[in-house]
Amino acid sequence: ITFVSYTAYHLSRRPLSVVKNVLSQNCSTLKPPPDV
């Protein structure tokens, strides 16, 4: 139960490091959607 507990703690701590890539990215390499 303590293993599961801290797995959950760290699971919830990880997303920001992944989401950084879409919060700030090089838009020149991407194709904009029709509504932009």
PDB file of all heavy atoms in Angstrom:
ATOM      1  N   ILE A   1       0.817  -1.207   0.000  1.00  0.00           N
ATOM      2  CA  ILE A   1       0.000   0.000   0.000  1.00  0.00           C
ATOM      3  C   ILE A   1       0.858   1.268   0.000  1.00  0.00           C
ATOM      4  O   ILE A   1       0.511   2.267  -0.630  1.00  0.00           O
ATOM      5  CB  ILE A   1      -0.998  -0.003   1.182  1.00  0.00           C
ATOM      6  CG1 ILE A   1      -2.060   1.079   0.956  1.00  0.00           C
ATOM      7  CG2 ILE A   1      -0.293   0.199   2.521  1.00  0.00           C
ATOM      8  CD1 ILE A   1      -3.217   1.005   1.943  1.00  0.00           C
ATOM      9  N   THR A   2       2.013   1.235   0.680  1.00  0.00           N
ATOM     10  CA  THR A   2       2.894   2.405   0.642  1.00  0.00           C
ATOM     11  C   THR A   2       3.555   2.540  -0.730  1.00  0.00           C
ATOM     12  O   THR A   2       3.792   3.664  -1.206  1.00  0.00           O
ATOM     13  CB  THR A   2       3.975   2.322   1.733  1.00  0.00           C
ATOM     14  OG1 THR A   2       4.678   1.076   1.633  1.00  0.00           O
ATOM     15  CG2 THR A   2       3.360   2.430   3.119  1.00  0.00           C
ATOM     16  N   PHE A   3       3.835   1.404  -1.379  1.00  0.00           N
ATOM     17  CA  PHE A   3       4.391   1.432  -2.732  1.00  0.00           C
ATOM     18  C   PHE A   3       3.411   2.103  -3.693  1.00  0.00           C
ATOM     19  O   PHE A   3       3.776   2.993  -4.470  1.00  0.00           O
ATOM     20  CB  PHE A   3       4.693   0.007  -3.193  1.00  0.00           C
ATOM     21  CG  PHE A   3       5.355  -0.081  -4.545  1.00  0.00           C
ATOM     22  CD1 PHE A   3       6.732  -0.144  -4.651  1.00  0.00           C
ATOM     23  CD2 PHE A   3       4.602  -0.107  -5.705  1.00  0.00           C
ATOM     24  CE1 PHE A   3       7.353  -0.226  -5.884  1.00  0.00           C
ATOM     25  CE2 PHE A   3       5.208  -0.179  -6.951  1.00  0.00           C
ATOM     26  CZ  PHE A   3       6.591  -0.243  -7.036  1.00  0.00           C
ATOM     27  N   VAL A   4       2.152   1.679  -3.640  1.00  0.00           N
ATOM     28  CA  VAL A   4       1.117   2.258  -4.503  1.00  0.00           C
ATOM     29  C   VAL A   4       0.949   3.746  -4.215  1.00  0.00           C
ATOM     30  O   VAL A   4       0.786   4.564  -5.127  1.00  0.00           O
ATOM     31  CB  VAL A   4      -0.214   1.514  -4.312  1.00  0.00           C
ATOM     32  CG1 VAL A   4      -1.363   2.249  -5.002  1.00  0.00           C
ATOM     33  CG2 VAL A   4      -0.109   0.089  -4.849  1.00  0.00           C
ATOM     34  N   SER A   5       1.011   4.096  -2.936  1.00  0.00           N
ATOM     35  CA  SER A   5       0.813   5.482  -2.531  1.00  0.00           C
ATOM     36  C   SER A   5       1.841   6.410  -3.162  1.00  0.00           C
ATOM     37  O   SER A   5       1.491   7.426  -3.773  1.00  0.00           O
ATOM     38  CB  SER A   5       0.881   5.591  -1.001  1.00  0.00           C
ATOM     39  OG  SER A   5       0.827   6.937  -0.583  1.00  0.00           O
ATOM     40  N   TYR A   6       3.134   6.060  -3.047  1.00  0.00           N
ATOM     41  CA  TYR A   6       4.130   6.988  -3.579  1.00  0.00           C
ATOM     42  C   TYR A   6       4.265   6.891  -5.090  1.00  0.00           C
ATOM     43  O   TYR A   6       4.720   7.838  -5.731  1.00  0.00           O
ATOM     44  CB  TYR A   6       5.486   6.809  -2.901  1.00  0.00           C
ATOM     45  CG  TYR A   6       6.182   8.148  -2.779  1.00  0.00           C
ATOM     46  CD1 TYR A   6       5.740   9.076  -1.841  1.00  0.00           C
ATOM     47  CD2 TYR A   6       7.219   8.514  -3.623  1.00  0.00           C
ATOM     48  CE1 TYR A   6       6.332  10.327  -1.749  1.00  0.00           C
ATOM     49  CE2 TYR A   6       7.817   9.761  -3.529  1.00  0.00           C
ATOM     50  CZ  TYR A   6       7.370  10.666  -2.590  1.00  0.00           C
ATOM     51  OH  TYR A   6       7.938  11.908  -2.508  1.00  0.00           O
ATOM     52  N   THR A   7       3.865   5.765  -5.668  1.00  0.00           N
ATOM     53  CA  THR A   7       3.767   5.701  -7.128  1.00  0.00           C
ATOM     54  C   THR A   7       2.781   6.752  -7.615  1.00  0.00           C
ATOM     55  O   THR A   7       3.039   7.461  -8.598  1.00  0.00           O
ATOM     56  CB  THR A   7       3.311   4.304  -7.579  1.00  0.00           C
ATOM     57  OG1 THR A   7       4.275   3.325  -7.188  1.00  0.00           O
ATOM     58  CG2 THR A   7       3.153   4.249  -9.093  1.00  0.00           C
ATOM     59  N   ALA A   8       1.649   6.869  -6.910  1.00  0.00           N
ATOM     60  CA  ALA A   8       0.637   7.856  -7.279  1.00  0.00           C
ATOM     61  C   ALA A   8       1.157   9.274  -7.089  1.00  0.00           C
ATOM     62  O   ALA A   8       0.899  10.162  -7.911  1.00  0.00           O
ATOM     63  CB  ALA A   8      -0.630   7.636  -6.451  1.00  0.00           C
ATOM     64  N   TYR A   9       1.890   9.511  -6.003  1.00  0.00           N
ATOM     65  CA  TYR A   9       2.478  10.838  -5.779  1.00  0.00           C
ATOM     66  C   TYR A   9       3.336  11.244  -6.978  1.00  0.00           C
ATOM     67  O   TYR A   9       3.207  12.346  -7.522  1.00  0.00           O
ATOM     68  CB  TYR A   9       3.361  10.824  -4.526  1.00  0.00           C
ATOM     69  CG  TYR A   9       2.685  11.244  -3.242  1.00  0.00           C
ATOM     70  CD1 TYR A   9       2.525  10.335  -2.203  1.00  0.00           C
ATOM     71  CD2 TYR A   9       2.258  12.541  -3.044  1.00  0.00           C
ATOM     72  CE1 TYR A   9       1.933  10.715  -0.991  1.00  0.00           C
ATOM     73  CE2 TYR A   9       1.674  12.935  -1.856  1.00  0.00           C
ATOM     74  CZ  TYR A   9       1.509  12.019  -0.831  1.00  0.00           C
ATOM     75  OH  TYR A   9       0.932  12.406   0.350  1.00  0.00           O
ATOM     76  N   HIS A  10       4.242  10.354  -7.384  1.00  0.00           N
ATOM     77  CA  HIS A  10       5.160  10.707  -8.466  1.00  0.00           C
ATOM     78  C   HIS A  10       4.477  10.722  -9.820  1.00  0.00           C
ATOM     79  O   HIS A  10       4.866  11.493 -10.707  1.00  0.00           O
ATOM     80  CB  HIS A  10       6.366   9.763  -8.478  1.00  0.00           C
ATOM     81  CG  HIS A  10       7.611  10.404  -7.958  1.00  0.00           C
ATOM     82  ND1 HIS A  10       8.611  10.860  -8.768  1.00  0.00           N
ATOM     83  CD2 HIS A  10       7.995  10.709  -6.701  1.00  0.00           C
ATOM     84  CE1 HIS A  10       9.577  11.400  -8.038  1.00  0.00           C
ATOM     85  NE2 HIS A  10       9.223  11.317  -6.782  1.00  0.00           N
ATOM     86  N   LEU A  11       3.475   9.886 -10.010  1.00  0.00           N
ATOM     87  CA  LEU A  11       2.713   9.910 -11.252  1.00  0.00           C
ATOM     88  C   LEU A  11       2.086  11.290 -11.464  1.00  0.00           C
ATOM     89  O   LEU A  11       2.087  11.830 -12.572  1.00  0.00           O
ATOM     90  CB  LEU A  11       1.631   8.828 -11.209  1.00  0.00           C
ATOM     91  CG  LEU A  11       0.812   8.573 -12.470  1.00  0.00           C
ATOM     92  CD1 LEU A  11       0.393   7.110 -12.520  1.00  0.00           C
ATOM     93  CD2 LEU A  11      -0.440   9.453 -12.517  1.00  0.00           C
ATOM     94  N   SER A  12       1.583  11.891 -10.383  1.00  0.00           N
ATOM     95  CA  SER A  12       0.949  13.209 -10.493  1.00  0.00           C
ATOM     96  C   SER A  12       1.967  14.338 -10.583  1.00  0.00           C
ATOM     97  O   SER A  12       1.618  15.476 -10.897  1.00  0.00           O
ATOM     98  CB  SER A  12       0.032  13.444  -9.287  1.00  0.00           C
ATOM     99  OG  SER A  12       0.774  13.545  -8.084  1.00  0.00           O
ATOM    100  N   ARG A  13       3.244  14.040 -10.324  1.00  0.00           N
ATOM    101  CA  ARG A  13       4.299  15.042 -10.363  1.00  0.00           C
ATOM    102  C   ARG A  13       4.953  15.134 -11.741  1.00  0.00           C
ATOM    103  O   ARG A  13       5.594  16.122 -12.079  1.00  0.00           O
ATOM    104  CB  ARG A  13       5.362  14.684  -9.316  1.00  0.00           C
ATOM    105  CG  ARG A  13       6.249  15.804  -8.863  1.00  0.00           C
ATOM    106  CD  ARG A  13       7.189  15.333  -7.766  1.00  0.00           C
ATOM    107  NE  ARG A  13       6.499  14.930  -6.566  1.00  0.00           N
ATOM    108  CZ  ARG A  13       7.077  14.419  -5.491  1.00  0.00           C
ATOM    109  NH1 ARG A  13       8.391  14.243  -5.486  1.00  0.00           N
ATOM    110  NH2 ARG A  13       6.371  14.076  -4.429  1.00  0.00           N
ATOM    111  N   ARG A  14       4.770  14.116 -12.548  1.00  0.00           N
ATOM    112  CA  ARG A  14       5.483  13.994 -13.820  1.00  0.00           C
ATOM    113  C   ARG A  14       4.906  14.825 -14.975  1.00  0.00           C
ATOM    114  O   ARG A  14       5.668  15.298 -15.834  1.00  0.00           O
ATOM    115  CB  ARG A  14       5.496  12.514 -14.220  1.00  0.00           C
ATOM    116  CG  ARG A  14       6.157  12.192 -15.533  1.00  0.00           C
ATOM    117  CD  ARG A  14       7.644  12.434 -15.494  1.00  0.00           C
ATOM    118  NE  ARG A  14       8.320  11.733 -16.569  1.00  0.00           N
ATOM    119  CZ  ARG A  14       9.587  11.877 -16.877  1.00  0.00           C
ATOM    120  NH1 ARG A  14      10.340  12.699 -16.187  1.00  0.00           N
ATOM    121  NH2 ARG A  14      10.121  11.208 -17.866  1.00  0.00           N
ATOM    122  N   PRO A  15       3.580  15.043 -15.087  1.00  0.00           N
ATOM    123  CA  PRO A  15       3.006  15.600 -16.315  1.00  0.00           C
ATOM    124  C   PRO A  15       3.605  16.922 -16.783  1.00  0.00           C
ATOM    125  O   PRO A  15       3.737  17.139 -17.992  1.00  0.00           O
ATOM    126  CB  PRO A  15       1.519  15.763 -15.962  1.00  0.00           C
ATOM    127  CG  PRO A  15       1.253  14.706 -14.966  1.00  0.00           C
ATOM    128  CD  PRO A  15       2.511  14.637 -14.151  1.00  0.00           C
ATOM    129  N   LEU A  16       3.961  17.837 -15.871  1.00  0.00           N
ATOM    130  CA  LEU A  16       4.439  19.139 -16.319  1.00  0.00           C
ATOM    131  C   LEU A  16       5.672  19.019 -17.197  1.00  0.00           C
ATOM    132  O   LEU A  16       5.832  19.772 -18.169  1.00  0.00           O
ATOM    133  CB  LEU A  16       4.726  20.042 -15.116  1.00  0.00           C
ATOM    134  CG  LEU A  16       5.206  21.462 -15.449  1.00  0.00           C
ATOM    135  CD1 LEU A  16       4.190  22.180 -16.336  1.00  0.00           C
ATOM    136  CD2 LEU A  16       5.472  22.260 -14.186  1.00  0.00           C
ATOM    137  N   SER A  17       6.562  18.069 -16.886  1.00  0.00           N
ATOM    138  CA  SER A  17       7.771  17.924 -17.697  1.00  0.00           C
ATOM    139  C   SER A  17       7.430  17.522 -19.128  1.00  0.00           C
ATOM    140  O   SER A  17       8.160  17.862 -20.067  1.00  0.00           O
ATOM    141  CB  SER A  17       8.705  16.882 -17.068  1.00  0.00           C
ATOM    142  OG  SER A  17       8.137  15.593 -17.114  1.00  0.00           O
ATOM    143  N   VAL A  18       6.322  16.796 -19.303  1.00  0.00           N
ATOM    144  CA  VAL A  18       5.894  16.376 -20.637  1.00  0.00           C
ATOM    145  C   VAL A  18       5.133  17.494 -21.338  1.00  0.00           C
ATOM    146  O   VAL A  18       5.339  17.772 -22.525  1.00  0.00           O
ATOM    147  CB  VAL A  18       5.021  15.104 -20.535  1.00  0.00           C
ATOM    148  CG1 VAL A  18       4.466  14.715 -21.897  1.00  0.00           C
ATOM    149  CG2 VAL A  18       5.822  13.951 -19.941  1.00  0.00           C
ATOM    150  N   VAL A  19       4.264  18.162 -20.597  1.00  0.00           N
ATOM    151  CA  VAL A  19       3.407  19.198 -21.173  1.00  0.00           C
ATOM    152  C   VAL A  19       4.200  20.440 -21.574  1.00  0.00           C
ATOM    153  O   VAL A  19       3.767  21.223 -22.420  1.00  0.00           O
ATOM    154  CB  VAL A  19       2.271  19.556 -20.181  1.00  0.00           C
ATOM    155  CG1 VAL A  19       1.461  20.753 -20.635  1.00  0.00           C
ATOM    156  CG2 VAL A  19       1.354  18.347 -20.000  1.00  0.00           C
ATOM    157  N   LYS A  20       5.385  20.640 -20.997  1.00  0.00           N
ATOM    158  CA  LYS A  20       6.226  21.780 -21.374  1.00  0.00           C
ATOM    159  C   LYS A  20       6.408  21.873 -22.888  1.00  0.00           C
ATOM    160  O   LYS A  20       6.501  22.968 -23.452  1.00  0.00           O
ATOM    161  CB  LYS A  20       7.604  21.658 -20.722  1.00  0.00           C
ATOM    162  CG  LYS A  20       7.661  22.065 -19.268  1.00  0.00           C
ATOM    163  CD  LYS A  20       9.047  21.822 -18.714  1.00  0.00           C
ATOM    164  CE  LYS A  20       9.130  22.194 -17.245  1.00  0.00           C
ATOM    165  NZ  LYS A  20      10.448  21.877 -16.676  1.00  0.00           N
ATOM    166  N   ASN A  21       6.473  20.723 -23.549  1.00  0.00           N
ATOM    167  CA  ASN A  21       6.744  20.711 -24.978  1.00  0.00           C
ATOM    168  C   ASN A  21       5.618  21.348 -25.793  1.00  0.00           C
ATOM    169  O   ASN A  21       5.863  21.848 -26.893  1.00  0.00           O
ATOM    170  CB  ASN A  21       6.984  19.278 -25.466  1.00  0.00           C
ATOM    171  CG  ASN A  21       8.332  18.741 -25.043  1.00  0.00           C
ATOM    172  OD1 ASN A  21       9.306  19.478 -25.007  1.00  0.00           O
ATOM    173  ND2 ASN A  21       8.401  17.472 -24.706  1.00  0.00           N
ATOM    174  N   VAL A  22       4.385  21.318 -25.296  1.00  0.00           N
ATOM    175  CA  VAL A  22       3.292  21.947 -26.043  1.00  0.00           C
ATOM    176  C   VAL A  22       2.948  23.325 -25.497  1.00  0.00           C
ATOM    177  O   VAL A  22       2.293  24.117 -26.177  1.00  0.00           O
ATOM    178  CB  VAL A  22       2.025  21.056 -26.042  1.00  0.00           C
ATOM    179  CG1 VAL A  22       2.288  19.767 -26.781  1.00  0.00           C
ATOM    180  CG2 VAL A  22       1.530  20.778 -24.639  1.00  0.00           C
ATOM    181  N   LEU A  23       3.351  23.621 -24.265  1.00  0.00           N
ATOM    182  CA  LEU A  23       3.155  24.974 -23.756  1.00  0.00           C
ATOM    183  C   LEU A  23       4.052  25.946 -24.503  1.00  0.00           C
ATOM    184  O   LEU A  23       3.687  27.097 -24.744  1.00  0.00           O
ATOM    185  CB  LEU A  23       3.455  25.028 -22.248  1.00  0.00           C
ATOM    186  CG  LEU A  23       2.518  24.237 -21.339  1.00  0.00           C
ATOM    187  CD1 LEU A  23       2.965  24.361 -19.884  1.00  0.00           C
ATOM    188  CD2 LEU A  23       1.074  24.700 -21.485  1.00  0.00           C
ATOM    189  N   SER A  24       5.250  25.476 -24.848  1.00  0.00           N
ATOM    190  CA  SER A  24       6.196  26.304 -25.602  1.00  0.00           C
ATOM    191  C   SER A  24       6.870  25.420 -26.640  1.00  0.00           C
ATOM    192  O   SER A  24       7.617  24.511 -26.304  1.00  0.00           O
ATOM    193  CB  SER A  24       7.237  26.903 -24.663  1.00  0.00           C
ATOM    194  OG  SER A  24       8.259  27.552 -25.378  1.00  0.00           O
ATOM    195  N   GLN A  25       6.581  25.689 -27.938  1.00  0.00           N
ATOM    196  CA  GLN A  25       7.152  24.864 -28.994  1.00  0.00           C
ATOM    197  C   GLN A  25       7.438  25.705 -30.237  1.00  0.00           C
ATOM    198  O   GLN A  25       6.989  26.847 -30.358  1.00  0.00           O
ATOM    199  CB  GLN A  25       6.216  23.701 -29.334  1.00  0.00           C
ATOM    200  CG  GLN A  25       4.800  24.115 -29.680  1.00  0.00           C
ATOM    201  CD  GLN A  25       3.882  22.919 -29.835  1.00  0.00           C
ATOM    202  OE1 GLN A  25       4.284  21.859 -30.311  1.00  0.00           O
ATOM    203  NE2 GLN A  25       2.637  23.071 -29.434  1.00  0.00           N
ATOM    204  N   ASN A  26       8.186  25.119 -31.137  1.00  0.00           N
ATOM    205  CA  ASN A  26       8.556  25.789 -32.388  1.00  0.00           C
ATOM    206  C   ASN A  26       7.416  25.627 -33.388  1.00  0.00           C
ATOM    207  O   ASN A  26       7.275  24.596 -34.030  1.00  0.00           O
ATOM    208  CB  ASN A  26       9.850  25.188 -32.934  1.00  0.00           C
ATOM    209  CG  ASN A  26      10.332  25.902 -34.178  1.00  0.00           C
ATOM    210  OD1 ASN A  26       9.730  26.875 -34.639  1.00  0.00           O
ATOM    211  ND2 ASN A  26      11.434  25.417 -34.737  1.00  0.00           N
ATOM    212  N   CYS A  27       6.583  26.651 -33.532  1.00  0.00           N
ATOM    213  CA  CYS A  27       5.386  26.556 -34.358  1.00  0.00           C
ATOM    214  C   CYS A  27       5.688  26.526 -35.851  1.00  0.00           C
ATOM    215  O   CYS A  27       4.834  26.132 -36.655  1.00  0.00           O
ATOM    216  CB  CYS A  27       4.451  27.725 -34.050  1.00  0.00           C
ATOM    217  SG  CYS A  27       3.957  27.831 -32.318  1.00  0.00           S
ATOM    218  N   SER A  28       6.883  26.951 -36.233  1.00  0.00           N
ATOM    219  CA  SER A  28       7.217  27.007 -37.666  1.00  0.00           C
ATOM    220  C   SER A  28       7.289  25.621 -38.293  1.00  0.00           C
ATOM    221  O   SER A  28       7.204  25.490 -39.522  1.00  0.00           O
ATOM    222  CB  SER A  28       8.548  27.733 -37.865  1.00  0.00           C
ATOM    223  OG  SER A  28       9.604  27.026 -37.228  1.00  0.00           O
ATOM    224  N   THR A  29       7.429  24.607 -37.475  1.00  0.00           N
ATOM    225  CA  THR A  29       7.527  23.237 -38.002  1.00  0.00           C
ATOM    226  C   THR A  29       6.171  22.536 -38.046  1.00  0.00           C
ATOM    227  O   THR A  29       6.095  21.379 -38.451  1.00  0.00           O
ATOM    228  CB  THR A  29       8.485  22.400 -37.136  1.00  0.00           C
ATOM    229  OG1 THR A  29       7.958  22.323 -35.797  1.00  0.00           O
ATOM    230  CG2 THR A  29       9.866  23.034 -37.084  1.00  0.00           C
ATOM    231  N   LEU A  30       5.106  23.213 -37.594  1.00  0.00           N
ATOM    232  CA  LEU A  30       3.788  22.600 -37.503  1.00  0.00           C
ATOM    233  C   LEU A  30       2.817  23.223 -38.497  1.00  0.00           C
ATOM    234  O   LEU A  30       2.951  24.386 -38.887  1.00  0.00           O
ATOM    235  CB  LEU A  30       3.239  22.746 -36.072  1.00  0.00           C
ATOM    236  CG  LEU A  30       4.091  22.143 -34.947  1.00  0.00           C
ATOM    237  CD1 LEU A  30       3.494  22.489 -33.598  1.00  0.00           C
ATOM    238  CD2 LEU A  30       4.200  20.634 -35.107  1.00  0.00           C
ATOM    239  N   LYS A  31       1.830  22.438 -38.869  1.00  0.00           N
ATOM    240  CA  LYS A  31       0.795  22.924 -39.784  1.00  0.00           C
ATOM    241  C   LYS A  31      -0.386  23.446 -38.980  1.00  0.00           C
ATOM    242  O   LYS A  31      -0.963  22.706 -38.176  1.00  0.00           O
ATOM    243  CB  LYS A  31       0.340  21.796 -40.709  1.00  0.00           C
ATOM    244  CG  LYS A  31      -0.699  22.238 -41.729  1.00  0.00           C
ATOM    245  CD  LYS A  31      -1.096  21.071 -42.628  1.00  0.00           C
ATOM    246  CE  LYS A  31      -2.146  21.528 -43.643  1.00  0.00           C
ATOM    247  NZ  LYS A  31      -2.563  20.406 -44.536  1.00  0.00           N
ATOM    248  N   PRO A  32      -0.768  24.706 -39.156  1.00  0.00           N
ATOM    249  CA  PRO A  32      -1.871  25.261 -38.362  1.00  0.00           C
ATOM    250  C   PRO A  32      -3.213  24.688 -38.799  1.00  0.00           C
ATOM    251  O   PRO A  32      -3.409  24.357 -39.975  1.00  0.00           O
ATOM    252  CB  PRO A  32      -1.787  26.760 -38.661  1.00  0.00           C
ATOM    253  CG  PRO A  32      -1.138  26.854 -39.993  1.00  0.00           C
ATOM    254  CD  PRO A  32      -0.181  25.705 -40.052  1.00  0.00           C
ATOM    255  N   PRO A  33      -4.164  24.543 -37.885  1.00  0.00           N
ATOM    256  CA  PRO A  33      -5.515  24.087 -38.240  1.00  0.00           C
ATOM    257  C   PRO A  33      -6.243  25.159 -39.049  1.00  0.00           C
ATOM    258  O   PRO A  33      -5.840  26.335 -39.038  1.00  0.00           O
ATOM    259  CB  PRO A  33      -6.174  23.862 -36.878  1.00  0.00           C
ATOM    260  CG  PRO A  33      -5.420  24.732 -35.933  1.00  0.00           C
ATOM    261  CD  PRO A  33      -4.022  24.785 -36.447  1.00  0.00           C
ATOM    262  N   PRO A  34      -7.326  24.804 -39.732  1.00  0.00           N
ATOM    263  CA  PRO A  34      -8.030  25.766 -40.593  1.00  0.00           C
ATOM    264  C   PRO A  34      -8.572  26.984 -39.857  1.00  0.00           C
ATOM    265  O   PRO A  34      -8.686  28.060 -40.443  1.00  0.00           O
ATOM    266  CB  PRO A  34      -9.173  24.924 -41.183  1.00  0.00           C
ATOM    267  CG  PRO A  34      -8.711  23.509 -41.068  1.00  0.00           C
ATOM    268  CD  PRO A  34      -7.876  23.448 -39.839  1.00  0.00           C
ATOM    269  N   ASP A  35      -8.907  26.827 -38.564  1.00  0.00           N
ATOM    270  CA  ASP A  35      -9.528  27.935 -37.829  1.00  0.00           C
ATOM    271  C   ASP A  35      -8.513  28.913 -37.242  1.00  0.00           C
ATOM    272  O   ASP A  35      -8.890  29.869 -36.565  1.00  0.00           O
ATOM    273  CB  ASP A  35     -10.419  27.396 -36.712  1.00  0.00           C
ATOM    274  CG  ASP A  35      -9.653  26.531 -35.724  1.00  0.00           C
ATOM    275  OD1 ASP A  35      -8.610  25.981 -36.119  1.00  0.00           O
ATOM    276  OD2 ASP A  35     -10.103  26.409 -34.573  1.00  0.00           O
ATOM    277  N   VAL A  36      -7.220  28.690 -37.462  1.00  0.00           N
ATOM    278  CA  VAL A  36      -6.186  29.582 -36.939  1.00  0.00           C
ATOM    279  C   VAL A  36      -5.673  30.472 -38.076  1.00  0.00           C
ATOM    280  O   VAL A  36      -5.213  29.975 -39.118  1.00  0.00           O
ATOM    281  CB  VAL A  36      -5.023  28.791 -36.315  1.00  0.00           C
ATOM    282  CG1 VAL A  36      -3.905  29.743 -35.901  1.00  0.00           C
ATOM    283  CG2 VAL A  36      -5.513  28.000 -35.117  1.00  0.00           C
TER     284      VAL A  36
END
